[in-house]
Amino acid sequence: RFARATARVAPRLTAAGTATPAPAQAELHSGAWPEPDLVILDGGKGQLGIGRQVLADAGRLDVPIAALAKEREELFLPDRAEPVVLEQRSQALFLVQRIRDEAHRFAVTYHQKIRERRAVRSILDEVPGVGPAKKRALLRKFGSVNGIRDAAPEELAAVPGVGPTLAERIRESIGASQM
């Protein structure tokens, strides 16, 4: 849950080199997150600078922060001009890479779920009176919009919360054949 929130509110570096951290700042100020021991960013100097600014704006410069650039696996730290280059086979590098990879996995999974939810939109979403719960109940009972289209009005009306009036509205909206 924490990783998802982190991915959701992470500030983005825009083409102009500015941050869009308002959601992150709100979350940091709200106390909704546990106090972090360390913040590791995916990126280089630019992301480190933006991350430090977000922490500064939130009054949290006491939180250690670092950024890991993927290409050469360089670790950027505040107040250091040059990155730390960890030995290729070191346990420290392995740990930081695993943290970054897990954050990527979590972010990708989260965004896939969002896309799947958007893709599940159907003609039922356009029917007045059919909300998420009734949509789920109809799809669970009939399996698909085609199954709903083929159902008799009495079968639709028998679904909890639907009734004869809404059943007729559903049939009209999805182009059910008149039997």
C-alpha atoms as a PDB file:
ATOM      1  CA  ARG A   1       0.000   0.000   0.000  1.00  0.00           C
ATOM      2  CA  PHE A   2       2.780   2.412   0.843  1.00  0.00           C
ATOM      3  CA  ALA A   3       4.643   1.644  -2.387  1.00  0.00           C
ATOM      4  CA  ARG A   4       1.492   2.319  -4.411  1.00  0.00           C
ATOM      5  CA  ALA A   5       1.031   5.684  -2.721  1.00  0.00           C
ATOM      6  CA  THR A   6       4.675   6.467  -3.351  1.00  0.00           C
ATOM      7  CA  ALA A   7       4.325   5.669  -7.035  1.00  0.00           C
ATOM      8  CA  ARG A   8       1.093   7.646  -7.300  1.00  0.00           C
ATOM      9  CA  VAL A   9       2.408  10.887  -5.820  1.00  0.00           C
ATOM     10  CA  ALA A  10       5.991  10.824  -7.011  1.00  0.00           C
ATOM     11  CA  PRO A  11       6.929  14.227  -8.432  1.00  0.00           C
ATOM     12  CA  ARG A  12       7.613  14.311 -12.140  1.00  0.00           C
ATOM     13  CA  LEU A  13      10.425  16.158 -13.782  1.00  0.00           C
ATOM     14  CA  THR A  14       8.905  18.156 -16.595  1.00  0.00           C
ATOM     15  CA  ALA A  15      10.661  19.346 -19.737  1.00  0.00           C
ATOM     16  CA  ALA A  16      11.188  22.716 -18.073  1.00  0.00           C
ATOM     17  CA  GLY A  17      12.939  21.005 -15.154  1.00  0.00           C
ATOM     18  CA  THR A  18      10.283  21.835 -12.596  1.00  0.00           C
ATOM     19  CA  ALA A  19       8.446  19.560 -10.222  1.00  0.00           C
ATOM     20  CA  THR A  20       4.738  18.964  -9.905  1.00  0.00           C
ATOM     21  CA  PRO A  21       4.807  17.897  -6.246  1.00  0.00           C
ATOM     22  CA  ALA A  22       1.492  19.210  -4.846  1.00  0.00           C
ATOM     23  CA  PRO A  23      -0.018  15.739  -4.198  1.00  0.00           C
ATOM     24  CA  ALA A  24       3.258  14.567  -2.657  1.00  0.00           C
ATOM     25  CA  GLN A  25       3.410  17.571  -0.358  1.00  0.00           C
ATOM     26  CA  ALA A  26      -0.180  17.063   0.745  1.00  0.00           C
ATOM     27  CA  GLU A  27       0.547  13.429   1.570  1.00  0.00           C
ATOM     28  CA  LEU A  28       3.749  14.308   3.439  1.00  0.00           C
ATOM     29  CA  HIS A  29       1.961  16.960   5.520  1.00  0.00           C
ATOM     30  CA  SER A  30      -1.066  14.786   6.258  1.00  0.00           C
ATOM     31  CA  GLY A  31       0.805  12.274   8.400  1.00  0.00           C
ATOM     32  CA  ALA A  32      -0.831   9.498   6.343  1.00  0.00           C
ATOM     33  CA  TRP A  33       2.541   7.899   5.621  1.00  0.00           C
ATOM     34  CA  PRO A  34       4.857   6.295   8.121  1.00  0.00           C
ATOM     35  CA  GLU A  35       8.069   8.246   8.660  1.00  0.00           C
ATOM     36  CA  PRO A  36      10.557   7.084   6.013  1.00  0.00           C
ATOM     37  CA  ASP A  37      14.058   6.064   7.061  1.00  0.00           C
ATOM     38  CA  LEU A  38      15.377   6.704   3.572  1.00  0.00           C
ATOM     39  CA  VAL A  39      14.042   7.916   0.223  1.00  0.00           C
ATOM     40  CA  ILE A  40      15.536   6.290  -2.878  1.00  0.00           C
ATOM     41  CA  LEU A  41      14.576   7.821  -6.199  1.00  0.00           C
ATOM     42  CA  ASP A  42      14.820   6.250  -9.607  1.00  0.00           C
ATOM     43  CA  GLY A  43      16.906   8.649 -11.657  1.00  0.00           C
ATOM     44  CA  GLY A  44      19.919  10.888 -11.582  1.00  0.00           C
ATOM     45  CA  LYS A  45      20.900  14.353 -10.407  1.00  0.00           C
ATOM     46  CA  GLY A  46      17.732  15.987 -11.725  1.00  0.00           C
ATOM     47  CA  GLN A  47      15.408  13.681  -9.829  1.00  0.00           C
ATOM     48  CA  LEU A  48      17.546  14.026  -6.697  1.00  0.00           C
ATOM     49  CA  GLY A  49      17.247  17.807  -6.868  1.00  0.00           C
ATOM     50  CA  ILE A  50      13.485  17.643  -7.314  1.00  0.00           C
ATOM     51  CA  GLY A  51      13.166  15.119  -4.483  1.00  0.00           C
ATOM     52  CA  ARG A  52      15.180  17.341  -2.149  1.00  0.00           C
ATOM     53  CA  GLN A  53      12.966  20.298  -3.047  1.00  0.00           C
ATOM     54  CA  VAL A  54       9.818  18.288  -2.274  1.00  0.00           C
ATOM     55  CA  LEU A  55      11.265  17.250   1.092  1.00  0.00           C
ATOM     56  CA  ALA A  56      12.380  20.838   1.811  1.00  0.00           C
ATOM     57  CA  ASP A  57       8.912  22.185   0.946  1.00  0.00           C
ATOM     58  CA  ALA A  58       7.449  19.641   3.345  1.00  0.00           C
ATOM     59  CA  GLY A  59       9.941  20.636   6.046  1.00  0.00           C
ATOM     60  CA  ARG A  60      11.525  17.174   5.933  1.00  0.00           C
ATOM     61  CA  LEU A  61      15.183  17.783   5.069  1.00  0.00           C
ATOM     62  CA  ASP A  62      16.010  15.425   7.950  1.00  0.00           C
ATOM     63  CA  VAL A  63      15.047  12.452   5.738  1.00  0.00           C
ATOM     64  CA  PRO A  64      18.055  10.980   3.908  1.00  0.00           C
ATOM     65  CA  ILE A  65      17.620  10.833   0.142  1.00  0.00           C
ATOM     66  CA  ALA A  66      19.502   9.265  -2.773  1.00  0.00           C
ATOM     67  CA  ALA A  67      18.878   8.684  -6.470  1.00  0.00           C
ATOM     68  CA  LEU A  68      19.963   5.628  -8.445  1.00  0.00           C
ATOM     69  CA  ALA A  69      20.651   6.183 -12.143  1.00  0.00           C
ATOM     70  CA  LYS A  70      20.059   2.962 -14.034  1.00  0.00           C
ATOM     71  CA  GLU A  71      22.399   3.257 -16.990  1.00  0.00           C
ATOM     72  CA  ARG A  72      25.668   3.046 -15.058  1.00  0.00           C
ATOM     73  CA  GLU A  73      24.145   2.190 -11.669  1.00  0.00           C
ATOM     74  CA  GLU A  74      25.410   5.414 -10.125  1.00  0.00           C
ATOM     75  CA  LEU A  75      24.116   6.486  -6.727  1.00  0.00           C
ATOM     76  CA  PHE A  76      23.638  10.249  -6.430  1.00  0.00           C
ATOM     77  CA  LEU A  77      23.717  11.777  -2.971  1.00  0.00           C
ATOM     78  CA  PRO A  78      22.984  15.331  -1.849  1.00  0.00           C
ATOM     79  CA  ASP A  79      25.974  17.628  -1.448  1.00  0.00           C
ATOM     80  CA  ARG A  80      28.236  15.395  -3.559  1.00  0.00           C
ATOM     81  CA  ALA A  81      29.308  16.578  -6.980  1.00  0.00           C
ATOM     82  CA  GLU A  82      30.182  13.100  -8.205  1.00  0.00           C
ATOM     83  CA  PRO A  83      28.009   9.983  -7.874  1.00  0.00           C
ATOM     84  CA  VAL A  84      28.994   7.024  -5.752  1.00  0.00           C
ATOM     85  CA  VAL A  85      29.833   4.074  -7.968  1.00  0.00           C
ATOM     86  CA  LEU A  86      29.179   0.859  -6.080  1.00  0.00           C
ATOM     87  CA  GLU A  87      31.188  -2.225  -6.975  1.00  0.00           C
ATOM     88  CA  GLN A  88      29.384  -4.341  -9.555  1.00  0.00           C
ATOM     89  CA  ARG A  89      29.203  -7.388  -7.310  1.00  0.00           C
ATOM     90  CA  SER A  90      28.610  -5.625  -3.988  1.00  0.00           C
ATOM     91  CA  GLN A  91      25.706  -6.468  -1.751  1.00  0.00           C
ATOM     92  CA  ALA A  92      24.946  -2.755  -1.395  1.00  0.00           C
ATOM     93  CA  LEU A  93      24.424  -2.389  -5.153  1.00  0.00           C
ATOM     94  CA  PHE A  94      22.349  -5.573  -5.226  1.00  0.00           C
ATOM     95  CA  LEU A  95      20.088  -4.237  -2.444  1.00  0.00           C
ATOM     96  CA  VAL A  96      19.567  -0.833  -4.068  1.00  0.00           C
ATOM     97  CA  GLN A  97      18.828  -2.473  -7.437  1.00  0.00           C
ATOM     98  CA  ARG A  98      16.232  -4.777  -5.836  1.00  0.00           C
ATOM     99  CA  ILE A  99      14.542  -1.812  -4.163  1.00  0.00           C
ATOM    100  CA  ARG A 100      14.400   0.047  -7.485  1.00  0.00           C
ATOM    101  CA  ASP A 101      13.170  -3.034  -9.360  1.00  0.00           C
ATOM    102  CA  GLU A 102      10.434  -3.641  -6.787  1.00  0.00           C
ATOM    103  CA  ALA A 103       9.296  -0.019  -7.067  1.00  0.00           C
ATOM    104  CA  HIS A 104       9.157  -0.414 -10.867  1.00  0.00           C
ATOM    105  CA  ARG A 105       7.191  -3.654 -10.567  1.00  0.00           C
ATOM    106  CA  PHE A 106       4.732  -2.090  -8.150  1.00  0.00           C
ATOM    107  CA  ALA A 107       4.259   1.010 -10.317  1.00  0.00           C
ATOM    108  CA  VAL A 108       3.757  -1.060 -13.472  1.00  0.00           C
ATOM    109  CA  THR A 109       1.230  -3.319 -11.734  1.00  0.00           C
ATOM    110  CA  TYR A 110      -0.645  -0.300 -10.383  1.00  0.00           C
ATOM    111  CA  HIS A 111      -0.845   1.367 -13.800  1.00  0.00           C
ATOM    112  CA  GLN A 112      -1.937  -1.897 -15.449  1.00  0.00           C
ATOM    113  CA  LYS A 113      -4.810  -2.159 -12.960  1.00  0.00           C
ATOM    114  CA  ILE A 114      -5.856   1.405 -13.742  1.00  0.00           C
ATOM    115  CA  ARG A 115      -5.815   0.675 -17.486  1.00  0.00           C
ATOM    116  CA  GLU A 116      -7.776  -2.558 -16.970  1.00  0.00           C
ATOM    117  CA  ARG A 117     -10.448  -0.695 -14.996  1.00  0.00           C
ATOM    118  CA  ARG A 118     -10.785   1.850 -17.794  1.00  0.00           C
ATOM    119  CA  ALA A 119     -10.939  -0.935 -20.392  1.00  0.00           C
ATOM    120  CA  VAL A 120     -13.774  -2.662 -18.527  1.00  0.00           C
ATOM    121  CA  ARG A 121     -16.074   0.221 -19.371  1.00  0.00           C
ATOM    122  CA  SER A 122     -19.089  -0.983 -21.222  1.00  0.00           C
ATOM    123  CA  ILE A 123     -22.401   0.146 -22.622  1.00  0.00           C
ATOM    124  CA  LEU A 124     -23.862  -0.544 -19.170  1.00  0.00           C
ATOM    125  CA  ASP A 125     -21.958   2.466 -17.839  1.00  0.00           C
ATOM    126  CA  GLU A 126     -24.179   4.680 -20.002  1.00  0.00           C
ATOM    127  CA  VAL A 127     -27.479   3.331 -18.644  1.00  0.00           C
ATOM    128  CA  PRO A 128     -29.033   5.706 -16.083  1.00  0.00           C
ATOM    129  CA  GLY A 129     -29.675   3.816 -12.855  1.00  0.00           C
ATOM    130  CA  VAL A 130     -26.965   1.199 -13.406  1.00  0.00           C
ATOM    131  CA  GLY A 131     -24.026   1.881 -11.110  1.00  0.00           C
ATOM    132  CA  PRO A 132     -20.976  -0.261 -10.370  1.00  0.00           C
ATOM    133  CA  ALA A 133     -22.829  -2.650  -8.024  1.00  0.00           C
ATOM    134  CA  LYS A 134     -25.711  -3.361 -10.425  1.00  0.00           C
ATOM    135  CA  LYS A 135     -23.283  -3.649 -13.323  1.00  0.00           C
ATOM    136  CA  ARG A 136     -21.294  -6.275 -11.377  1.00  0.00           C
ATOM    137  CA  ALA A 137     -24.474  -8.137 -10.413  1.00  0.00           C
ATOM    138  CA  LEU A 138     -25.706  -8.196 -14.031  1.00  0.00           C
ATOM    139  CA  LEU A 139     -22.361  -9.341 -15.418  1.00  0.00           C
ATOM    140  CA  ARG A 140     -22.017 -11.972 -12.693  1.00  0.00           C
ATOM    141  CA  LYS A 141     -25.485 -13.347 -13.496  1.00  0.00           C
ATOM    142  CA  PHE A 142     -25.332 -13.189 -17.319  1.00  0.00           C
ATOM    143  CA  GLY A 143     -21.574 -13.357 -17.979  1.00  0.00           C
ATOM    144  CA  SER A 144     -21.323 -10.549 -20.534  1.00  0.00           C
ATOM    145  CA  VAL A 145     -23.177  -7.695 -22.195  1.00  0.00           C
ATOM    146  CA  ASN A 146     -24.219 -10.187 -24.882  1.00  0.00           C
ATOM    147  CA  GLY A 147     -25.669 -12.420 -22.157  1.00  0.00           C
ATOM    148  CA  ILE A 148     -27.582  -9.448 -20.775  1.00  0.00           C
ATOM    149  CA  ARG A 149     -28.774  -8.547 -24.286  1.00  0.00           C
ATOM    150  CA  ASP A 150     -30.095 -12.098 -24.771  1.00  0.00           C
ATOM    151  CA  ALA A 151     -31.826 -12.236 -21.363  1.00  0.00           C
ATOM    152  CA  ALA A 152     -35.579 -11.976 -21.070  1.00  0.00           C
ATOM    153  CA  PRO A 153     -36.946  -8.868 -19.333  1.00  0.00           C
ATOM    154  CA  GLU A 154     -38.148 -11.016 -16.429  1.00  0.00           C
ATOM    155  CA  GLU A 155     -34.633 -12.429 -15.948  1.00  0.00           C
ATOM    156  CA  LEU A 156     -33.126  -8.942 -15.856  1.00  0.00           C
ATOM    157  CA  ALA A 157     -35.790  -7.715 -13.433  1.00  0.00           C
ATOM    158  CA  ALA A 158     -34.998 -10.631 -11.104  1.00  0.00           C
ATOM    159  CA  VAL A 159     -31.470  -9.303 -10.479  1.00  0.00           C
ATOM    160  CA  PRO A 160     -31.462  -7.587  -7.066  1.00  0.00           C
ATOM    161  CA  GLY A 161     -31.977  -3.834  -7.443  1.00  0.00           C
ATOM    162  CA  VAL A 162     -33.002  -3.933 -11.096  1.00  0.00           C
ATOM    163  CA  GLY A 163     -36.781  -4.359 -11.264  1.00  0.00           C
ATOM    164  CA  PRO A 164     -39.011  -4.171 -14.367  1.00  0.00           C
ATOM    165  CA  THR A 165     -38.528  -0.452 -15.184  1.00  0.00           C
ATOM    166  CA  LEU A 166     -34.733  -0.547 -15.080  1.00  0.00           C
ATOM    167  CA  ALA A 167     -34.734  -3.908 -16.883  1.00  0.00           C
ATOM    168  CA  GLU A 168     -36.600  -2.292 -19.782  1.00  0.00           C
ATOM    169  CA  ARG A 169     -34.236   0.717 -19.776  1.00  0.00           C
ATOM    170  CA  ILE A 170     -31.235  -1.658 -19.892  1.00  0.00           C
ATOM    171  CA  ARG A 171     -32.748  -3.604 -22.796  1.00  0.00           C
ATOM    172  CA  GLU A 172     -33.423  -0.398 -24.741  1.00  0.00           C
ATOM    173  CA  SER A 173     -29.930   0.972 -24.070  1.00  0.00           C
ATOM    174  CA  ILE A 174     -28.052  -2.139 -25.156  1.00  0.00           C
ATOM    175  CA  GLY A 175     -30.225  -2.862 -28.157  1.00  0.00           C
ATOM    176  CA  ALA A 176     -31.823  -6.062 -26.917  1.00  0.00           C
ATOM    177  CA  SER A 177     -33.954  -7.871 -29.431  1.00  0.00           C
ATOM    178  CA  GLN A 178     -37.687  -7.705 -28.846  1.00  0.00           C
ATOM    179  CA  MET A 179     -38.910 -11.215 -28.148  1.00  0.00           C
END
